[in-house]
Amino acid sequence: MAQEAKILRIETDAKADALYICLSDQRVAYSEELTDDVVADFASDKSIVGFDIQRASVVFQTLAERKLKTRPRQPFRVAVELALA
């Protein structure tokens, strides 16, 4: 059974509309682009270190709309709450 990932920290850059979700303090060995806006960072043991999300407001708006089936007023906050639930 896979181990559940816990978020260590979330780093934001409002000017760049970017978000980094850090899952591990391990050193990043390589990265893989998952979508145009999301890159996953991996350690040498192939475990996930974190996710770099560009255009975060757009990505989270889309996720929140899909999950809630409506357009939330604060999509970023709703998406983070859903991710932490």
PDB file of N, CA and C in Angstrom:
ATOM      1  N   MET A   1       0.844  -1.183   0.000  1.00  0.00           N
ATOM      2  CA  MET A   1       0.000   0.000   0.000  1.00  0.00           C
ATOM      3  C   MET A   1       0.889   1.246   0.000  1.00  0.00           C
ATOM      4  N   ALA A   2       0.539   2.246  -0.800  1.00  0.00           N
ATOM      5  CA  ALA A   2       1.315   3.477  -0.907  1.00  0.00           C
ATOM      6  C   ALA A   2       1.178   4.314   0.357  1.00  0.00           C
ATOM      7  N   GLN A   3       2.280   4.951   0.725  1.00  0.00           N
ATOM      8  CA  GLN A   3       2.267   5.822   1.894  1.00  0.00           C
ATOM      9  C   GLN A   3       1.662   7.168   1.511  1.00  0.00           C
ATOM     10  N   GLU A   4       0.833   7.715   2.377  1.00  0.00           N
ATOM     11  CA  GLU A   4       0.191   9.002   2.123  1.00  0.00           C
ATOM     12  C   GLU A   4       1.208  10.121   2.276  1.00  0.00           C
ATOM     13  N   ALA A   5       1.259  11.030   1.313  1.00  0.00           N
ATOM     14  CA  ALA A   5       2.182  12.160   1.356  1.00  0.00           C
ATOM     15  C   ALA A   5       1.638  13.243   2.282  1.00  0.00           C
ATOM     16  N   LYS A   6       2.548  13.866   3.017  1.00  0.00           N
ATOM     17  CA  LYS A   6       2.174  14.976   3.880  1.00  0.00           C
ATOM     18  C   LYS A   6       2.878  16.218   3.378  1.00  0.00           C
ATOM     19  N   ILE A   7       2.162  17.310   3.347  1.00  0.00           N
ATOM     20  CA  ILE A   7       2.730  18.570   2.876  1.00  0.00           C
ATOM     21  C   ILE A   7       3.594  19.163   3.988  1.00  0.00           C
ATOM     22  N   LEU A   8       4.880  19.391   3.672  1.00  0.00           N
ATOM     23  CA  LEU A   8       5.770  20.024   4.634  1.00  0.00           C
ATOM     24  C   LEU A   8       5.583  21.525   4.660  1.00  0.00           C
ATOM     25  N   ARG A   9       5.489  22.092   3.467  1.00  0.00           N
ATOM     26  CA  ARG A   9       5.285  23.544   3.382  1.00  0.00           C
ATOM     27  C   ARG A   9       4.774  23.904   1.987  1.00  0.00           C
ATOM     28  N   ILE A  10       4.175  25.064   1.912  1.00  0.00           N
ATOM     29  CA  ILE A  10       3.713  25.602   0.640  1.00  0.00           C
ATOM     30  C   ILE A  10       4.355  26.970   0.478  1.00  0.00           C
ATOM     31  N   GLU A  11       5.041  27.162  -0.642  1.00  0.00           N
ATOM     32  CA  GLU A  11       5.695  28.432  -0.934  1.00  0.00           C
ATOM     33  C   GLU A  11       4.936  29.100  -2.074  1.00  0.00           C
ATOM     34  N   THR A  12       4.665  30.383  -1.939  1.00  0.00           N
ATOM     35  CA  THR A  12       3.915  31.095  -2.976  1.00  0.00           C
ATOM     36  C   THR A  12       4.698  32.300  -3.478  1.00  0.00           C
ATOM     37  N   ASP A  13       4.440  32.654  -4.716  1.00  0.00           N
ATOM     38  CA  ASP A  13       4.981  33.856  -5.325  1.00  0.00           C
ATOM     39  C   ASP A  13       3.832  34.506  -6.083  1.00  0.00           C
ATOM     40  N   ALA A  14       3.181  35.464  -5.444  1.00  0.00           N
ATOM     41  CA  ALA A  14       1.988  36.091  -6.025  1.00  0.00           C
ATOM     42  C   ALA A  14       2.301  36.820  -7.330  1.00  0.00           C
ATOM     43  N   LYS A  15       3.458  37.483  -7.403  1.00  0.00           N
ATOM     44  CA  LYS A  15       3.808  38.214  -8.625  1.00  0.00           C
ATOM     45  C   LYS A  15       3.972  37.277  -9.810  1.00  0.00           C
ATOM     46  N   ALA A  16       4.555  36.110  -9.566  1.00  0.00           N
ATOM     47  CA  ALA A  16       4.771  35.142 -10.646  1.00  0.00           C
ATOM     48  C   ALA A  16       3.569  34.217 -10.822  1.00  0.00           C
ATOM     49  N   ASP A  17       2.577  34.327  -9.934  1.00  0.00           N
ATOM     50  CA  ASP A  17       1.408  33.440  -9.938  1.00  0.00           C
ATOM     51  C   ASP A  17       1.866  31.989  -9.893  1.00  0.00           C
ATOM     52  N   ALA A  18       2.792  31.712  -8.944  1.00  0.00           N
ATOM     53  CA  ALA A  18       3.386  30.380  -8.819  1.00  0.00           C
ATOM     54  C   ALA A  18       3.231  29.858  -7.397  1.00  0.00           C
ATOM     55  N   LEU A  19       3.272  28.544  -7.299  1.00  0.00           N
ATOM     56  CA  LEU A  19       3.109  27.870  -6.015  1.00  0.00           C
ATOM     57  C   LEU A  19       4.012  26.650  -6.018  1.00  0.00           C
ATOM     58  N   TYR A  20       4.685  26.381  -4.892  1.00  0.00           N
ATOM     59  CA  TYR A  20       5.479  25.165  -4.756  1.00  0.00           C
ATOM     60  C   TYR A  20       4.955  24.412  -3.546  1.00  0.00           C
ATOM     61  N   ILE A  21       4.568  23.162  -3.754  1.00  0.00           N
ATOM     62  CA  ILE A  21       4.107  22.294  -2.673  1.00  0.00           C
ATOM     63  C   ILE A  21       5.244  21.338  -2.369  1.00  0.00           C
ATOM     64  N   CYS A  22       5.841  21.497  -1.192  1.00  0.00           N
ATOM     65  CA  CYS A  22       6.997  20.694  -0.787  1.00  0.00           C
ATOM     66  C   CYS A  22       6.524  19.508   0.060  1.00  0.00           C
ATOM     67  N   LEU A  23       6.889  18.301  -0.371  1.00  0.00           N
ATOM     68  CA  LEU A  23       6.489  17.086   0.323  1.00  0.00           C
ATOM     69  C   LEU A  23       7.649  16.424   1.061  1.00  0.00           C
ATOM     70  N   SER A  24       8.876  16.858   0.771  1.00  0.00           N
ATOM     71  CA  SER A  24      10.058  16.213   1.340  1.00  0.00           C
ATOM     72  C   SER A  24      11.219  17.203   1.380  1.00  0.00           C
ATOM     73  N   ASP A  25      12.133  16.989   2.327  1.00  0.00           N
ATOM     74  CA  ASP A  25      13.340  17.798   2.395  1.00  0.00           C
ATOM     75  C   ASP A  25      14.488  17.183   1.602  1.00  0.00           C
ATOM     76  N   GLN A  26      14.196  16.094   0.888  1.00  0.00           N
ATOM     77  CA  GLN A  26      15.231  15.459   0.082  1.00  0.00           C
ATOM     78  C   GLN A  26      15.661  16.383  -1.054  1.00  0.00           C
ATOM     79  N   ARG A  27      16.872  16.195  -1.533  1.00  0.00           N
ATOM     80  CA  ARG A  27      17.403  16.990  -2.650  1.00  0.00           C
ATOM     81  C   ARG A  27      16.743  16.537  -3.952  1.00  0.00           C
ATOM     82  N   VAL A  28      16.408  17.495  -4.797  1.00  0.00           N
ATOM     83  CA  VAL A  28      15.802  17.192  -6.099  1.00  0.00           C
ATOM     84  C   VAL A  28      16.874  16.634  -7.025  1.00  0.00           C
ATOM     85  N   ALA A  29      16.615  15.435  -7.565  1.00  0.00           N
ATOM     86  CA  ALA A  29      17.550  14.795  -8.492  1.00  0.00           C
ATOM     87  C   ALA A  29      17.148  15.055  -9.945  1.00  0.00           C
ATOM     88  N   TYR A  30      15.836  15.097 -10.178  1.00  0.00           N
ATOM     89  CA  TYR A  30      15.345  15.366 -11.532  1.00  0.00           C
ATOM     90  C   TYR A  30      13.899  15.820 -11.456  1.00  0.00           C
ATOM     91  N   SER A  31      13.432  16.407 -12.552  1.00  0.00           N
ATOM     92  CA  SER A  31      12.065  16.924 -12.631  1.00  0.00           C
ATOM     93  C   SER A  31      11.398  16.403 -13.890  1.00  0.00           C
ATOM     94  N   GLU A  32      10.078  16.294 -13.827  1.00  0.00           N
ATOM     95  CA  GLU A  32       9.292  15.886 -14.991  1.00  0.00           C
ATOM     96  C   GLU A  32       8.101  16.813 -15.142  1.00  0.00           C
ATOM     97  N   GLU A  33       7.894  17.294 -16.362  1.00  0.00           N
ATOM     98  CA  GLU A  33       6.748  18.151 -16.648  1.00  0.00           C
ATOM     99  C   GLU A  33       5.513  17.272 -16.771  1.00  0.00           C
ATOM    100  N   LEU A  34       4.518  17.525 -15.912  1.00  0.00           N
ATOM    101  CA  LEU A  34       3.274  16.749 -15.935  1.00  0.00           C
ATOM    102  C   LEU A  34       2.252  17.382 -16.867  1.00  0.00           C
ATOM    103  N   THR A  35       2.186  18.694 -16.846  1.00  0.00           N
ATOM    104  CA  THR A  35       1.342  19.477 -17.763  1.00  0.00           C
ATOM    105  C   THR A  35       2.125  20.736 -18.107  1.00  0.00           C
ATOM    106  N   ASP A  36       1.547  21.604 -18.907  1.00  0.00           N
ATOM    107  CA  ASP A  36       2.215  22.864 -19.231  1.00  0.00           C
ATOM    108  C   ASP A  36       2.465  23.706 -17.989  1.00  0.00           C
ATOM    109  N   ASP A  37       1.669  23.516 -16.941  1.00  0.00           N
ATOM    110  CA  ASP A  37       1.744  24.352 -15.747  1.00  0.00           C
ATOM    111  C   ASP A  37       2.271  23.640 -14.505  1.00  0.00           C
ATOM    112  N   VAL A  38       2.449  22.325 -14.554  1.00  0.00           N
ATOM    113  CA  VAL A  38       2.830  21.571 -13.356  1.00  0.00           C
ATOM    114  C   VAL A  38       4.071  20.718 -13.629  1.00  0.00           C
ATOM    115  N   VAL A  39       5.075  20.891 -12.745  1.00  0.00           N
ATOM    116  CA  VAL A  39       6.308  20.104 -12.818  1.00  0.00           C
ATOM    117  C   VAL A  39       6.464  19.368 -11.491  1.00  0.00           C
ATOM    118  N   ALA A  40       6.754  18.070 -11.561  1.00  0.00           N
ATOM    119  CA  ALA A  40       7.000  17.270 -10.368  1.00  0.00           C
ATOM    120  C   ALA A  40       8.502  17.123 -10.178  1.00  0.00           C
ATOM    121  N   ASP A  41       8.975  17.329  -8.954  1.00  0.00           N
ATOM    122  CA  ASP A  41      10.385  17.149  -8.608  1.00  0.00           C
ATOM    123  C   ASP A  41      10.538  15.826  -7.874  1.00  0.00           C
ATOM    124  N   PHE A  42      11.582  15.070  -8.237  1.00  0.00           N
ATOM    125  CA  PHE A  42      11.819  13.747  -7.662  1.00  0.00           C
ATOM    126  C   PHE A  42      13.201  13.666  -7.024  1.00  0.00           C
ATOM    127  N   ALA A  43      13.321  12.851  -5.982  1.00  0.00           N
ATOM    128  CA  ALA A  43      14.605  12.545  -5.348  1.00  0.00           C
ATOM    129  C   ALA A  43      15.260  11.409  -6.124  1.00  0.00           C
ATOM    130  N   SER A  44      16.499  11.096  -5.809  1.00  0.00           N
ATOM    131  CA  SER A  44      17.206  10.027  -6.509  1.00  0.00           C
ATOM    132  C   SER A  44      16.547   8.665  -6.300  1.00  0.00           C
ATOM    133  N   ASP A  45      15.798   8.487  -5.202  1.00  0.00           N
ATOM    134  CA  ASP A  45      15.091   7.218  -4.973  1.00  0.00           C
ATOM    135  C   ASP A  45      13.719   7.189  -5.649  1.00  0.00           C
ATOM    136  N   LYS A  46      13.464   8.177  -6.497  1.00  0.00           N
ATOM    137  CA  LYS A  46      12.234   8.319  -7.281  1.00  0.00           C
ATOM    138  C   LYS A  46      11.008   8.725  -6.464  1.00  0.00           C
ATOM    139  N   SER A  47      11.205   9.111  -5.203  1.00  0.00           N
ATOM    140  CA  SER A  47      10.086   9.623  -4.408  1.00  0.00           C
ATOM    141  C   SER A  47       9.847  11.084  -4.796  1.00  0.00           C
ATOM    142  N   ILE A  48       8.617  11.535  -4.636  1.00  0.00           N
ATOM    143  CA  ILE A  48       8.266  12.908  -5.006  1.00  0.00           C
ATOM    144  C   ILE A  48       8.729  13.874  -3.925  1.00  0.00           C
ATOM    145  N   VAL A  49       9.463  14.893  -4.354  1.00  0.00           N
ATOM    146  CA  VAL A  49       9.935  15.935  -3.448  1.00  0.00           C
ATOM    147  C   VAL A  49       8.915  17.069  -3.381  1.00  0.00           C
ATOM    148  N   GLY A  50       8.333  17.411  -4.539  1.00  0.00           N
ATOM    149  CA  GLY A  50       7.355  18.487  -4.551  1.00  0.00           C
ATOM    150  C   GLY A  50       6.813  18.763  -5.937  1.00  0.00           C
ATOM    151  N   PHE A  51       5.914  19.732  -5.985  1.00  0.00           N
ATOM    152  CA  PHE A  51       5.271  20.133  -7.233  1.00  0.00           C
ATOM    153  C   PHE A  51       5.420  21.636  -7.413  1.00  0.00           C
ATOM    154  N   ASP A  52       5.879  22.043  -8.584  1.00  0.00           N
ATOM    155  CA  ASP A  52       5.983  23.448  -8.956  1.00  0.00           C
ATOM    156  C   ASP A  52       4.810  23.750  -9.875  1.00  0.00           C
ATOM    157  N   ILE A  53       3.964  24.685  -9.468  1.00  0.00           N
ATOM    158  CA  ILE A  53       2.752  24.994 -10.228  1.00  0.00           C
ATOM    159  C   ILE A  53       2.822  26.441 -10.714  1.00  0.00           C
ATOM    160  N   GLN A  54       2.880  26.611 -12.020  1.00  0.00           N
ATOM    161  CA  GLN A  54       2.860  27.925 -12.649  1.00  0.00           C
ATOM    162  C   GLN A  54       1.413  28.262 -13.015  1.00  0.00           C
ATOM    163  N   ARG A  55       1.097  29.549 -13.161  1.00  0.00           N
ATOM    164  CA  ARG A  55      -0.279  29.989 -13.414  1.00  0.00           C
ATOM    165  C   ARG A  55      -1.205  29.357 -12.360  1.00  0.00           C
ATOM    166  N   ALA A  56      -0.768  29.396 -11.117  1.00  0.00           N
ATOM    167  CA  ALA A  56      -1.460  28.720 -10.018  1.00  0.00           C
ATOM    168  C   ALA A  56      -2.917  29.146  -9.875  1.00  0.00           C
ATOM    169  N   SER A  57      -3.208  30.413 -10.067  1.00  0.00           N
ATOM    170  CA  SER A  57      -4.593  30.870  -9.920  1.00  0.00           C
ATOM    171  C   SER A  57      -5.494  30.196 -10.948  1.00  0.00           C
ATOM    172  N   VAL A  58      -4.997  30.004 -12.160  1.00  0.00           N
ATOM    173  CA  VAL A  58      -5.779  29.348 -13.214  1.00  0.00           C
ATOM    174  C   VAL A  58      -5.930  27.864 -12.910  1.00  0.00           C
ATOM    175  N   VAL A  59      -4.830  27.228 -12.521  1.00  0.00           N
ATOM    176  CA  VAL A  59      -4.859  25.795 -12.208  1.00  0.00           C
ATOM    177  C   VAL A  59      -5.826  25.519 -11.065  1.00  0.00           C
ATOM    178  N   PHE A  60      -5.738  26.307  -9.978  1.00  0.00           N
ATOM    179  CA  PHE A  60      -6.608  26.070  -8.834  1.00  0.00           C
ATOM    180  C   PHE A  60      -8.049  26.463  -9.104  1.00  0.00           C
ATOM    181  N   GLN A  61      -8.260  27.464  -9.937  1.00  0.00           N
ATOM    182  CA  GLN A  61      -9.633  27.816 -10.327  1.00  0.00           C
ATOM    183  C   GLN A  61     -10.274  26.621 -11.031  1.00  0.00           C
ATOM    184  N   THR A  62      -9.536  26.024 -11.951  1.00  0.00           N
ATOM    185  CA  THR A  62     -10.040  24.867 -12.699  1.00  0.00           C
ATOM    186  C   THR A  62     -10.314  23.690 -11.768  1.00  0.00           C
ATOM    187  N   LEU A  63      -9.367  23.398 -10.870  1.00  0.00           N
ATOM    188  CA  LEU A  63      -9.567  22.284  -9.922  1.00  0.00           C
ATOM    189  C   LEU A  63     -10.761  22.524  -9.011  1.00  0.00           C
ATOM    190  N   ALA A  64     -10.877  23.745  -8.493  1.00  0.00           N
ATOM    191  CA  ALA A  64     -11.986  24.066  -7.596  1.00  0.00           C
ATOM    192  C   ALA A  64     -13.320  23.955  -8.321  1.00  0.00           C
ATOM    193  N   GLU A  65     -13.379  24.435  -9.564  1.00  0.00           N
ATOM    194  CA  GLU A  65     -14.626  24.347 -10.328  1.00  0.00           C
ATOM    195  C   GLU A  65     -15.016  22.896 -10.582  1.00  0.00           C
ATOM    196  N   ARG A  66     -14.033  22.056 -10.897  1.00  0.00           N
ATOM    197  CA  ARG A  66     -14.325  20.636 -11.141  1.00  0.00           C
ATOM    198  C   ARG A  66     -14.802  19.943  -9.870  1.00  0.00           C
ATOM    199  N   LYS A  67     -14.141  20.235  -8.757  1.00  0.00           N
ATOM    200  CA  LYS A  67     -14.478  19.584  -7.498  1.00  0.00           C
ATOM    201  C   LYS A  67     -15.824  20.064  -6.957  1.00  0.00           C
ATOM    202  N   LEU A  68     -16.060  21.360  -7.019  1.00  0.00           N
ATOM    203  CA  LEU A  68     -17.254  21.936  -6.420  1.00  0.00           C
ATOM    204  C   LEU A  68     -18.409  22.104  -7.404  1.00  0.00           C
ATOM    205  N   LYS A  69     -18.109  21.942  -8.694  1.00  0.00           N
ATOM    206  CA  LYS A  69     -19.102  22.094  -9.767  1.00  0.00           C
ATOM    207  C   LYS A  69     -19.727  23.492  -9.780  1.00  0.00           C
ATOM    208  N   THR A  70     -18.946  24.459  -9.295  1.00  0.00           N
ATOM    209  CA  THR A  70     -19.346  25.861  -9.314  1.00  0.00           C
ATOM    210  C   THR A  70     -18.088  26.713  -9.275  1.00  0.00           C
ATOM    211  N   ARG A  71     -18.213  27.986  -9.528  1.00  0.00           N
ATOM    212  CA  ARG A  71     -17.056  28.885  -9.522  1.00  0.00           C
ATOM    213  C   ARG A  71     -16.929  29.525  -8.141  1.00  0.00           C
ATOM    214  N   PRO A  72     -15.919  29.133  -7.358  1.00  0.00           N
ATOM    215  CA  PRO A  72     -15.750  29.705  -6.021  1.00  0.00           C
ATOM    216  C   PRO A  72     -15.201  31.126  -6.078  1.00  0.00           C
ATOM    217  N   ARG A  73     -15.460  31.897  -5.039  1.00  0.00           N
ATOM    218  CA  ARG A  73     -14.979  33.283  -4.981  1.00  0.00           C
ATOM    219  C   ARG A  73     -13.485  33.339  -4.689  1.00  0.00           C
ATOM    220  N   GLN A  74     -12.983  32.373  -3.923  1.00  0.00           N
ATOM    221  CA  GLN A  74     -11.567  32.324  -3.575  1.00  0.00           C
ATOM    222  C   GLN A  74     -11.008  30.965  -3.990  1.00  0.00           C
ATOM    223  N   PRO A  75     -10.746  30.754  -5.285  1.00  0.00           N
ATOM    224  CA  PRO A  75     -10.343  29.436  -5.776  1.00  0.00           C
ATOM    225  C   PRO A  75      -9.051  28.926  -5.169  1.00  0.00           C
ATOM    226  N   PHE A  76      -8.077  29.810  -4.950  1.00  0.00           N
ATOM    227  CA  PHE A  76      -6.810  29.373  -4.384  1.00  0.00           C
ATOM    228  C   PHE A  76      -7.011  28.816  -2.984  1.00  0.00           C
ATOM    229  N   ARG A  77      -7.753  29.540  -2.164  1.00  0.00           N
ATOM    230  CA  ARG A  77      -8.002  29.106  -0.786  1.00  0.00           C
ATOM    231  C   ARG A  77      -8.781  27.791  -0.765  1.00  0.00           C
ATOM    232  N   VAL A  78      -9.790  27.668  -1.607  1.00  0.00           N
ATOM    233  CA  VAL A  78     -10.586  26.445  -1.667  1.00  0.00           C
ATOM    234  C   VAL A  78      -9.709  25.274  -2.103  1.00  0.00           C
ATOM    235  N   ALA A  79      -8.864  25.470  -3.110  1.00  0.00           N
ATOM    236  CA  ALA A  79      -8.008  24.398  -3.607  1.00  0.00           C
ATOM    237  C   ALA A  79      -7.016  23.939  -2.541  1.00  0.00           C
ATOM    238  N   VAL A  80      -6.419  24.875  -1.807  1.00  0.00           N
ATOM    239  CA  VAL A  80      -5.496  24.496  -0.751  1.00  0.00           C
ATOM    240  C   VAL A  80      -6.230  23.726   0.341  1.00  0.00           C
ATOM    241  N   GLU A  81      -7.430  24.177   0.721  1.00  0.00           N
ATOM    242  CA  GLU A  81      -8.203  23.464   1.731  1.00  0.00           C
ATOM    243  C   GLU A  81      -8.549  22.055   1.254  1.00  0.00           C
ATOM    244  N   LEU A  82      -8.901  21.904  -0.035  1.00  0.00           N
ATOM    245  CA  LEU A  82      -9.192  20.581  -0.564  1.00  0.00           C
ATOM    246  C   LEU A  82      -7.947  19.698  -0.565  1.00  0.00           C
ATOM    247  N   ALA A  83      -6.796  20.272  -0.879  1.00  0.00           N
ATOM    248  CA  ALA A  83      -5.549  19.512  -0.910  1.00  0.00           C
ATOM    249  C   ALA A  83      -5.143  19.060   0.481  1.00  0.00           C
ATOM    250  N   LEU A  84      -5.422  19.867   1.484  1.00  0.00           N
ATOM    251  CA  LEU A  84      -5.045  19.537   2.853  1.00  0.00           C
ATOM    252  C   LEU A  84      -6.048  18.636   3.562  1.00  0.00           C
ATOM    253  N   ALA A  85      -7.235  18.490   2.992  1.00  0.00           N
ATOM    254  CA  ALA A  85      -8.279  17.675   3.631  1.00  0.00           C
ATOM    255  C   ALA A  85      -7.952  16.199   3.630  1.00  0.00           C
TER     256      ALA A  85
END
